[in-house]
């Protein structure tokens, strides 16, 4: 039987294919991922882009989805650090006491790490299944560079121990 994890995957919507790649990688390692993140269909994305969905509505929906998840995974790729909704999701996850794991997409750099993640992240790992799984499970709290080399966290905020 697969290990089931309820995740909220915070990401830049231009990186939707990486969400699929991450869940596929974890499935190959025996994980059943229940992803509560938002992946807008083109019609809904157009409504978002046009500002026809109020921020309070989006925040309520995101808060419910983050609350449901045991862990928030932040996909870190080009321009992730520029996305205000990614920062908001990380801050909300911290407020809700969620474990926050950053995963570098292939091609992601340390400059792409969102400021909120630098403050509240529990682990930051490269794109390898063993590293991602250990971080999601809470078996380790590494902070890595995109190539997997160790690095120091940007602050000394006590890290979460929750992984359930």
Protein backbone atom coordinates (compact mmCIF):
# COMPACT_ATOMS: atom_id res chain seq x y z
CA UNK A 1 0.00 0.00 0.00
CA UNK A 2 1.29 3.44 -0.90
CA UNK A 3 2.21 6.05 1.68
CA UNK A 4 -0.47 8.74 1.47
CA UNK A 5 0.45 12.38 2.02
CA UNK A 6 -1.78 15.41 1.87
CA UNK A 7 0.29 18.22 0.37
CA UNK A 8 -0.31 21.76 -0.71
CA UNK A 9 2.18 22.52 -3.48
CA UNK A 10 2.87 26.24 -3.66
CA UNK A 11 4.22 27.24 -7.06
CA UNK A 12 4.30 29.80 -9.83
CA UNK A 13 1.52 28.77 -12.24
CA UNK A 14 3.97 28.89 -15.14
CA UNK A 15 5.56 25.87 -13.41
CA UNK A 16 2.47 23.63 -13.41
CA UNK A 17 4.35 20.88 -15.28
CA UNK A 18 6.78 20.68 -12.35
CA UNK A 19 3.87 19.97 -10.00
CA UNK A 20 3.02 16.98 -12.17
CA UNK A 21 6.69 15.98 -12.26
CA UNK A 22 6.98 16.14 -8.49
CA UNK A 23 3.85 14.09 -7.84
CA UNK A 24 4.97 11.54 -10.46
CA UNK A 25 8.43 11.28 -8.90
CA UNK A 26 6.90 10.67 -5.48
CA UNK A 27 4.42 8.12 -6.90
CA UNK A 28 7.33 6.14 -8.36
CA UNK A 29 8.72 6.00 -4.81
CA UNK A 30 5.48 4.54 -3.44
CA UNK A 31 3.72 7.73 -2.37
CA UNK A 32 0.13 8.61 -3.08
CA UNK A 33 -0.01 12.38 -3.14
CA UNK A 34 -3.24 14.22 -2.50
CA UNK A 35 -2.40 17.68 -3.78
CA UNK A 36 -4.73 20.47 -2.67
CA UNK A 37 -2.96 23.29 -4.50
CA UNK A 38 -4.74 25.37 -7.11
CA UNK A 39 -4.02 24.74 -10.77
CA UNK A 40 -6.27 27.11 -12.65
CA UNK A 41 -7.91 26.03 -15.87
CA UNK A 42 -7.48 28.58 -18.69
CA UNK A 43 -10.93 30.16 -18.18
CA UNK A 44 -10.35 30.53 -14.45
CA UNK A 45 -6.82 31.82 -15.00
CA UNK A 46 -8.24 34.48 -17.30
CA UNK A 47 -10.70 35.52 -14.57
CA UNK A 48 -7.80 35.69 -12.08
CA UNK A 49 -5.65 37.72 -14.49
CA UNK A 50 -8.53 40.13 -15.09
CA UNK A 51 -9.01 40.62 -11.34
CA UNK A 52 -12.56 39.30 -11.42
CA UNK A 53 -12.01 37.06 -8.39
CA UNK A 54 -11.65 39.07 -5.17
CA UNK A 55 -8.49 38.51 -3.10
CA UNK A 56 -10.60 37.65 -0.05
CA UNK A 57 -12.20 34.78 -2.01
CA UNK A 58 -8.79 33.44 -3.08
CA UNK A 59 -7.42 33.76 0.45
CA UNK A 60 -10.38 31.85 1.91
CA UNK A 61 -9.98 29.06 -0.66
CA UNK A 62 -6.21 28.87 -0.17
CA UNK A 63 -6.55 28.90 3.63
CA UNK A 64 -8.94 25.92 3.46
CA UNK A 65 -6.62 24.01 1.13
CA UNK A 66 -3.51 24.74 3.22
CA UNK A 67 -5.36 23.75 6.40
CA UNK A 68 -6.23 20.37 4.88
CA UNK A 69 -2.60 19.58 3.99
CA UNK A 70 -0.07 18.17 6.42
CA UNK A 71 2.88 19.71 4.57
CA UNK A 72 3.32 22.67 2.24
CA UNK A 73 5.85 22.06 -0.51
CA UNK A 74 7.19 25.15 -2.26
CA UNK A 75 8.48 24.50 -5.77
CA UNK A 76 11.37 26.89 -6.32
CA UNK A 77 12.11 27.81 -9.90
CA UNK A 78 12.71 30.85 -12.03
CA UNK A 79 10.64 33.80 -10.74
CA UNK A 80 9.13 31.98 -7.73
CA UNK A 81 10.57 34.69 -5.50
CA UNK A 82 8.58 37.32 -7.41
CA UNK A 83 5.17 35.74 -6.81
CA UNK A 84 3.21 37.50 -4.03
CA UNK A 85 0.74 34.61 -3.72
CA UNK A 86 3.58 32.15 -3.05
CA UNK A 87 4.81 34.42 -0.23
CA UNK A 88 1.25 34.67 1.13
CA UNK A 89 0.84 30.87 1.05
CA UNK A 90 4.12 30.36 2.92
CA UNK A 91 3.17 32.91 5.58
CA UNK A 92 -0.27 31.32 5.97
CA UNK A 93 1.28 27.85 6.25
CA UNK A 94 3.54 29.16 9.01
CA UNK A 95 0.56 30.71 10.84
CA UNK A 96 -1.25 27.37 10.61
CA UNK A 97 1.78 25.48 11.97
CA UNK A 98 2.42 23.49 8.78
CA UNK A 99 5.73 21.95 7.84
CA UNK A 100 7.18 23.95 4.91
CA UNK A 101 9.55 22.17 2.52
CA UNK A 102 11.23 23.91 -0.42
CA UNK A 103 12.18 21.88 -3.49
CA UNK A 104 14.42 23.35 -6.17
CA UNK A 105 13.13 22.70 -9.68
CA UNK A 106 15.80 21.77 -12.16
CA UNK A 107 17.28 25.12 -13.14
CA UNK A 108 16.15 26.83 -9.92
CA UNK A 109 18.74 28.99 -8.18
CA UNK A 110 19.27 30.28 -4.66
CA UNK A 111 18.15 33.70 -5.93
CA UNK A 112 14.72 32.18 -6.69
CA UNK A 113 13.96 31.33 -3.03
CA UNK A 114 11.03 33.46 -1.78
CA UNK A 115 11.75 35.76 1.15
CA UNK A 116 8.94 34.19 3.20
CA UNK A 117 10.53 30.77 2.72
CA UNK A 118 13.86 32.10 3.98
CA UNK A 119 12.03 33.16 7.17
CA UNK A 120 9.74 30.18 7.72
CA UNK A 121 11.00 27.17 5.75
CA UNK A 122 11.75 23.91 7.53
CA UNK A 123 13.87 22.22 4.83
CA UNK A 124 15.20 23.12 1.39
CA UNK A 125 16.24 20.29 -0.90
CA UNK A 126 17.34 19.54 -4.44
CA UNK A 127 15.12 17.66 -6.91
CA UNK A 128 15.86 14.07 -5.85
CA UNK A 129 13.19 11.72 -4.55
CA UNK A 130 15.13 10.59 -1.45
CA UNK A 131 15.80 14.18 -0.34
CA UNK A 132 12.23 15.31 -1.01
CA UNK A 133 10.71 12.32 0.80
CA UNK A 134 12.99 12.68 3.84
CA UNK A 135 12.13 16.38 4.08
CA UNK A 136 8.36 15.81 3.70
CA UNK A 137 8.48 13.00 6.27
CA UNK A 138 10.45 15.20 8.69
CA UNK A 139 13.29 12.66 8.89
CA UNK A 140 15.72 15.43 8.05
CA UNK A 141 15.69 19.21 7.84
CA UNK A 142 18.52 19.94 5.40
CA UNK A 143 19.11 23.23 3.72
CA UNK A 144 20.72 22.58 0.37
CA UNK A 145 21.78 24.45 -2.71
CA UNK A 146 20.18 23.44 -6.03
CA UNK A 147 23.06 20.99 -6.67
CA UNK A 148 22.47 19.26 -3.31
CA UNK A 149 25.46 20.80 -1.53
CA UNK A 150 24.71 21.90 2.05
CA UNK A 151 24.04 25.52 2.93
CA UNK A 152 23.07 27.39 6.06
CA UNK A 153 19.45 28.51 6.59
CA UNK A 154 19.01 32.26 6.22
CA UNK A 155 17.86 32.59 9.81
CA UNK A 156 17.77 30.65 13.05
CA UNK A 157 13.99 30.33 13.32
CA UNK A 158 13.13 27.12 15.17
CA UNK A 159 12.05 24.57 12.61
CA UNK A 160 8.84 22.56 12.75
CA UNK A 161 9.00 18.94 13.79
CA UNK A 162 5.59 18.01 12.45
CA UNK A 163 5.31 15.75 9.43
CA UNK A 164 1.98 14.02 9.91
